[in-house]
Amino acid sequence: MKYSRLIAGTMTWGSWGKQLSNKEMESLINFCLSNQITTFDHADIYGAYTTEADFGKAFKGSGLKRDDIQLISKCGIQYQCDSRNNIVKHYNYSKDYIIWSVEESLQHLETDYLDLLLLHRPSPLMVAEDIAEAVTILKKDGKIRDFGVSNFTPSQMDMIGLRMDIDVNQIEFSLTEHSAMHNGTLDFMMTNGIKPMAWSPLGSVFKDDNEQTRRIHKQLGALMDKYNATEDQLLLAWILKHPSGIHPVIGTTTKERLKLAVEAAKIELELEDWFLILQAAEGCEVP
């Protein structure tokens, strides 16, 4: 397995969230590794282009070896902030911009290579040949090892995949947002050997109070004693049972919740319990 079963999402580690100090970030990195979370998910825009550098400094001080971890980053979104002279948020997937973005990420993360580069979101103006040329150069120069996409549909993966191998597609996937199971996205990825990663794996279960989330809480509550598990562990176990081998990206910075997430990987939901949870989300029995 190239990436840890659960992936640490860093979006809220810096100024877009918890604003962790250098020492706090260093401690969290070490905690992740001590709990079998070795893969860290970044994007150049996190923290308005600051979080990668914060992480790089913390990792440098951690005493860990580069080979101990896997680093993912994303590029393509041109964000409006003080460090970028952009008049509108947009996407840029020109060959030169992709290469420049990766070199910026490497400098900020204080590393020589990314284990995985992702195109952050599809652009209506992306040209597959330009992307393929950039990826070929980056791989030849040893600056990236694998290439993938994020939030891409099957047709978009097909267009890009005709020119180069796609190793990963990072998508939104959870019990409350599982359209990828029904619209062909996960089927396409399984057919073509593309590994799924899931951002926001807990969905809206703990964010919204509505008929759907109340049904879900009731069903999860009925299963907690059977599996000796918390509700969030059952939500992760539901994702992990899918045969595509989804890697959830865990966004919390709370060590206790990270530890619970790791333990969720040991839970094997029974077949009918998996469908009971799905039924609670959809509000009706499966067709």
Protein backbone atom coordinates (compact mmCIF):
# COMPACT_ATOMS: atom_id res chain seq x y z
CA MET A 1 0.00 0.00 0.00
CA LYS A 2 1.58 3.27 -1.14
CA TYR A 3 -0.44 5.42 1.26
CA SER A 4 -1.59 4.83 4.82
CA ARG A 5 -5.12 3.45 5.15
CA LEU A 6 -6.17 6.72 6.75
CA ILE A 7 -4.68 10.00 5.57
CA ALA A 8 -4.08 13.13 7.63
CA GLY A 9 -5.68 16.15 5.98
CA THR A 10 -3.77 19.35 6.78
CA MET A 11 -6.21 22.00 5.55
CA THR A 12 -7.10 23.18 9.06
CA TRP A 13 -3.65 22.80 10.63
CA GLY A 14 -2.62 26.36 9.79
CA SER A 15 -4.25 29.74 9.37
CA TRP A 16 -7.47 28.30 7.89
CA GLY A 17 -8.21 26.48 11.12
CA LYS A 18 -6.43 25.65 14.37
CA GLN A 19 -3.37 27.83 13.70
CA LEU A 20 -1.09 25.24 15.27
CA SER A 21 2.28 26.44 16.48
CA ASN A 22 5.46 24.87 15.14
CA LYS A 23 5.76 22.66 18.21
CA GLU A 24 2.10 21.66 18.09
CA MET A 25 2.39 20.74 14.43
CA GLU A 26 5.58 18.79 15.08
CA SER A 27 3.84 16.89 17.90
CA LEU A 28 0.84 16.11 15.69
CA ILE A 29 3.06 14.77 12.89
CA ASN A 30 4.80 12.44 15.34
CA PHE A 31 1.46 11.38 16.81
CA CYS A 32 0.14 10.48 13.35
CA LEU A 33 3.16 8.31 12.62
CA SER A 34 2.90 6.56 15.97
CA ASN A 35 -0.67 5.63 14.98
CA GLN A 36 0.06 4.32 11.47
CA ILE A 37 -0.99 7.52 9.70
CA THR A 38 1.99 8.18 7.44
CA THR A 39 0.36 10.08 4.56
CA PHE A 40 -0.27 13.83 4.75
CA ASP A 41 -2.63 15.57 2.36
CA HIS A 42 -1.81 19.16 1.36
CA ALA A 43 -2.81 21.68 -1.29
CA ASP A 44 -0.82 24.73 -2.28
CA ILE A 45 -3.74 27.05 -1.44
CA TYR A 46 -4.22 25.86 2.16
CA GLY A 47 -3.80 28.75 4.54
CA ALA A 48 -3.70 31.08 1.53
CA TYR A 49 -0.46 29.42 0.38
CA THR A 50 1.10 29.27 3.89
CA THR A 51 0.30 25.88 5.44
CA GLU A 52 2.77 23.87 3.36
CA ALA A 53 5.64 26.03 4.63
CA ASP A 54 4.40 25.73 8.22
CA PHE A 55 4.29 21.94 7.86
CA GLY A 56 7.73 21.86 6.21
CA LYS A 57 9.34 23.66 9.13
CA ALA A 58 7.61 21.40 11.63
CA PHE A 59 8.61 18.23 9.82
CA LYS A 60 12.20 19.39 9.57
CA GLY A 61 12.26 19.77 13.34
CA SER A 62 10.54 16.46 14.01
CA GLY A 63 13.63 14.32 13.54
CA LEU A 64 11.75 12.04 11.17
CA LYS A 65 13.14 10.80 7.86
CA ARG A 66 11.51 11.78 4.57
CA ASP A 67 11.04 8.13 3.71
CA ASP A 68 8.91 7.74 6.85
CA ILE A 69 6.03 9.71 5.30
CA GLN A 70 4.15 10.28 2.05
CA LEU A 71 3.36 13.82 0.95
CA ILE A 72 0.41 14.67 -1.27
CA SER A 73 -0.18 18.13 -2.68
CA LYS A 74 -2.59 19.69 -5.14
CA CYS A 75 -2.25 22.51 -7.62
CA GLY A 76 -4.32 24.42 -10.14
CA ILE A 77 -6.51 26.74 -8.09
CA GLN A 78 -5.44 30.37 -8.38
CA TYR A 79 -6.75 31.85 -5.16
CA GLN A 80 -7.38 35.51 -4.36
CA CYS A 81 -5.14 36.52 -1.44
CA ASP A 82 -2.32 38.87 -0.53
CA SER A 83 0.37 36.60 -1.96
CA ARG A 84 -1.25 36.26 -5.40
CA ASN A 85 -2.11 39.05 -7.81
CA ASN A 86 -5.37 37.49 -9.00
CA ILE A 87 -8.43 39.54 -9.89
CA VAL A 88 -10.69 36.44 -9.78
CA LYS A 89 -10.44 32.92 -8.41
CA HIS A 90 -9.70 30.63 -11.34
CA TYR A 91 -7.89 27.47 -12.47
CA ASN A 92 -4.56 27.30 -14.28
CA TYR A 93 -3.35 24.03 -15.78
CA SER A 94 -0.78 25.28 -18.24
CA LYS A 95 2.42 23.24 -18.41
CA ASP A 96 4.55 26.02 -16.96
CA TYR A 97 2.16 26.76 -14.12
CA ILE A 98 1.90 23.12 -13.03
CA ILE A 99 5.69 22.77 -12.95
CA TRP A 100 6.10 26.09 -11.12
CA SER A 101 3.44 25.13 -8.57
CA VAL A 102 5.13 21.83 -7.78
CA GLU A 103 8.50 23.55 -7.37
CA GLU A 104 6.87 26.04 -4.97
CA SER A 105 5.33 23.21 -2.95
CA LEU A 106 8.64 21.37 -2.78
CA GLN A 107 10.37 24.49 -1.50
CA HIS A 108 7.68 25.12 1.12
CA LEU A 109 7.54 21.51 2.28
CA GLU A 110 11.35 21.37 2.34
CA THR A 111 11.49 18.18 0.30
CA ASP A 112 12.85 17.01 -3.04
CA TYR A 113 9.73 15.20 -4.23
CA LEU A 114 6.00 14.71 -3.79
CA ASP A 115 4.72 11.18 -3.47
CA LEU A 116 1.53 12.29 -5.23
CA LEU A 117 0.52 15.38 -7.19
CA LEU A 118 -3.20 16.01 -7.71
CA LEU A 119 -4.99 18.47 -9.97
CA HIS A 120 -7.19 20.15 -7.39
CA ARG A 121 -10.39 20.62 -9.41
CA PRO A 122 -11.26 20.16 -13.09
CA SER A 123 -11.10 23.26 -15.27
CA PRO A 124 -13.27 23.76 -18.37
CA LEU A 125 -10.14 25.09 -20.10
CA MET A 126 -7.70 22.29 -19.22
CA VAL A 127 -5.80 20.74 -22.11
CA ALA A 128 -4.83 17.12 -21.50
CA GLU A 129 -1.71 17.31 -23.66
CA ASP A 130 -0.34 20.26 -21.66
CA ILE A 131 -0.98 18.45 -18.38
CA ALA A 132 0.65 15.27 -19.69
CA GLU A 133 3.74 17.18 -20.78
CA ALA A 134 4.11 18.79 -17.34
CA VAL A 135 3.61 15.49 -15.52
CA THR A 136 6.14 13.74 -17.78
CA ILE A 137 8.76 16.39 -17.02
CA LEU A 138 8.08 16.32 -13.28
CA LYS A 139 8.33 12.54 -13.13
CA LYS A 140 11.49 12.49 -15.24
CA ASP A 141 13.09 15.05 -12.92
CA GLY A 142 12.08 13.02 -9.85
CA LYS A 143 9.89 15.80 -8.44
CA ILE A 144 6.72 13.70 -8.30
CA ARG A 145 6.29 9.95 -8.04
CA ASP A 146 2.58 9.52 -8.76
CA PHE A 147 -0.04 11.66 -10.47
CA GLY A 148 -3.75 12.00 -9.88
CA VAL A 149 -6.77 14.25 -9.87
CA SER A 150 -9.33 15.51 -7.40
CA ASN A 151 -13.09 15.98 -7.83
CA PHE A 152 -13.00 14.63 -11.42
CA THR A 153 -15.93 12.89 -13.11
CA PRO A 154 -15.51 9.65 -15.11
CA SER A 155 -15.47 11.54 -18.43
CA GLN A 156 -12.86 13.98 -17.13
CA MET A 157 -10.73 11.11 -15.86
CA ASP A 158 -11.12 9.42 -19.24
CA MET A 159 -9.96 12.53 -21.10
CA ILE A 160 -6.86 12.94 -18.92
CA GLY A 161 -6.23 9.21 -18.60
CA LEU A 162 -5.88 8.72 -22.35
CA ARG A 163 -2.68 10.78 -22.19
CA MET A 164 -1.17 9.54 -18.90
CA ASP A 165 -1.76 7.18 -16.01
CA ILE A 166 -4.02 8.43 -13.21
CA ASP A 167 -3.15 6.79 -9.91
CA VAL A 168 -5.66 8.53 -7.59
CA ASN A 169 -8.87 10.55 -7.64
CA GLN A 170 -9.67 12.35 -4.39
CA ILE A 171 -13.42 12.90 -4.18
CA GLU A 172 -16.00 13.99 -1.67
CA PHE A 173 -17.45 10.79 -0.26
CA SER A 174 -19.39 10.03 2.91
CA LEU A 175 -22.64 8.50 4.07
CA THR A 176 -24.41 11.81 3.35
CA GLU A 177 -22.63 12.40 0.01
CA HIS A 178 -22.28 9.03 -1.66
CA SER A 179 -23.33 9.93 -5.20
CA ALA A 180 -20.01 8.51 -6.47
CA MET A 181 -21.48 5.05 -5.74
CA HIS A 182 -24.40 5.69 -8.07
CA ASN A 183 -23.10 7.95 -10.86
CA GLY A 184 -20.35 5.64 -12.11
CA THR A 185 -17.39 7.43 -10.51
CA LEU A 186 -16.29 4.60 -8.22
CA ASP A 187 -17.15 1.98 -10.86
CA PHE A 188 -14.90 3.78 -13.35
CA MET A 189 -12.08 3.99 -10.84
CA MET A 190 -12.29 0.30 -9.94
CA THR A 191 -12.35 -0.65 -13.62
CA ASN A 192 -9.31 1.48 -14.40
CA GLY A 193 -7.21 0.83 -11.31
CA ILE A 194 -7.56 4.37 -9.91
CA LYS A 195 -7.32 4.56 -6.11
CA PRO A 196 -10.08 6.62 -4.41
CA MET A 197 -9.38 9.01 -1.55
CA ALA A 198 -12.31 10.62 0.26
CA TRP A 199 -12.37 14.13 1.66
CA SER A 200 -15.00 15.09 4.27
CA PRO A 201 -15.61 11.41 5.12
CA LEU A 202 -17.98 12.20 8.01
CA GLY A 203 -20.16 14.29 5.72
CA SER A 204 -22.85 16.42 7.34
CA VAL A 205 -23.83 13.92 10.07
CA PHE A 206 -22.45 16.07 12.89
CA LYS A 207 -22.97 19.42 11.14
CA ASP A 208 -26.67 19.39 10.23
CA ASP A 209 -29.79 18.62 12.20
CA ASN A 210 -32.42 17.39 9.77
CA GLU A 211 -34.52 14.32 9.04
CA GLN A 212 -31.66 12.51 7.35
CA THR A 213 -29.08 13.09 10.09
CA ARG A 214 -31.60 12.16 12.78
CA ARG A 215 -32.28 8.85 10.99
CA ILE A 216 -28.55 8.23 10.74
CA HIS A 217 -27.90 8.99 14.42
CA LYS A 218 -30.72 6.62 15.41
CA GLN A 219 -29.33 3.78 13.28
CA LEU A 220 -25.73 4.31 14.34
CA GLY A 221 -26.85 4.45 17.96
CA ALA A 222 -28.49 1.04 17.56
CA LEU A 223 -25.18 -0.45 16.36
CA MET A 224 -22.72 1.18 18.76
CA ASP A 225 -22.88 -1.51 21.44
CA LYS A 226 -22.71 -4.33 18.89
CA TYR A 227 -19.42 -3.03 17.48
CA ASN A 228 -18.19 -1.29 20.65
CA ALA A 229 -17.69 1.79 18.47
CA THR A 230 -18.51 5.48 18.34
CA GLU A 231 -20.74 6.97 15.66
CA ASP A 232 -17.82 8.51 13.77
CA GLN A 233 -16.02 5.15 13.80
CA LEU A 234 -19.06 3.47 12.28
CA LEU A 235 -19.23 6.14 9.57
CA LEU A 236 -15.61 5.45 8.67
CA ALA A 237 -16.11 1.68 8.81
CA TRP A 238 -19.02 2.11 6.37
CA ILE A 239 -16.70 3.84 3.89
CA LEU A 240 -13.84 1.40 4.41
CA LYS A 241 -16.05 -1.58 3.52
CA HIS A 242 -16.48 -0.40 -0.07
CA PRO A 243 -14.54 -2.73 -2.41
CA SER A 244 -12.77 0.16 -4.19
CA GLY A 245 -10.45 0.52 -1.19
CA ILE A 246 -11.22 4.14 -0.32
CA HIS A 247 -8.65 6.02 1.77
CA PRO A 248 -10.49 8.54 4.01
CA VAL A 249 -8.75 11.89 4.51
CA ILE A 250 -9.19 12.76 8.18
CA GLY A 251 -9.29 16.49 8.77
CA THR A 252 -9.28 16.65 12.56
CA THR A 253 -6.31 17.95 14.55
CA THR A 254 -7.57 16.33 17.78
CA LYS A 255 -5.34 13.43 18.72
CA GLU A 256 -8.10 11.46 20.44
CA ARG A 257 -10.28 11.61 17.33
CA LEU A 258 -7.37 10.58 15.13
CA LYS A 259 -6.76 7.55 17.33
CA LEU A 260 -10.44 6.60 17.15
CA ALA A 261 -10.30 6.92 13.35
CA VAL A 262 -7.36 4.52 13.17
CA GLU A 263 -9.20 2.00 15.33
CA ALA A 264 -12.20 2.24 12.97
CA ALA A 265 -10.14 0.49 10.31
CA LYS A 266 -10.36 -2.68 12.42
CA ILE A 267 -14.16 -2.71 12.36
CA GLU A 268 -15.71 -5.13 9.88
CA LEU A 269 -19.36 -4.21 9.39
CA GLU A 270 -21.67 -7.11 8.66
CA LEU A 271 -23.33 -6.98 5.25
CA GLU A 272 -26.85 -6.21 6.45
CA ASP A 273 -25.61 -3.61 8.93
CA TRP A 274 -23.89 -1.79 6.07
CA PHE A 275 -27.22 -1.67 4.21
CA LEU A 276 -29.10 -0.61 7.34
CA ILE A 277 -26.81 2.42 7.57
CA LEU A 278 -27.27 3.16 3.87
CA GLN A 279 -31.04 2.86 4.25
CA ALA A 280 -30.95 5.39 7.10
CA ALA A 281 -29.09 7.84 4.86
CA GLU A 282 -31.41 7.43 1.88
CA GLY A 283 -34.65 7.24 3.85
CA CYS A 284 -35.93 4.18 2.02
CA GLU A 285 -34.95 0.61 1.32
CA VAL A 286 -32.58 -0.02 -1.56
CA PRO A 287 -34.36 -0.49 -4.92
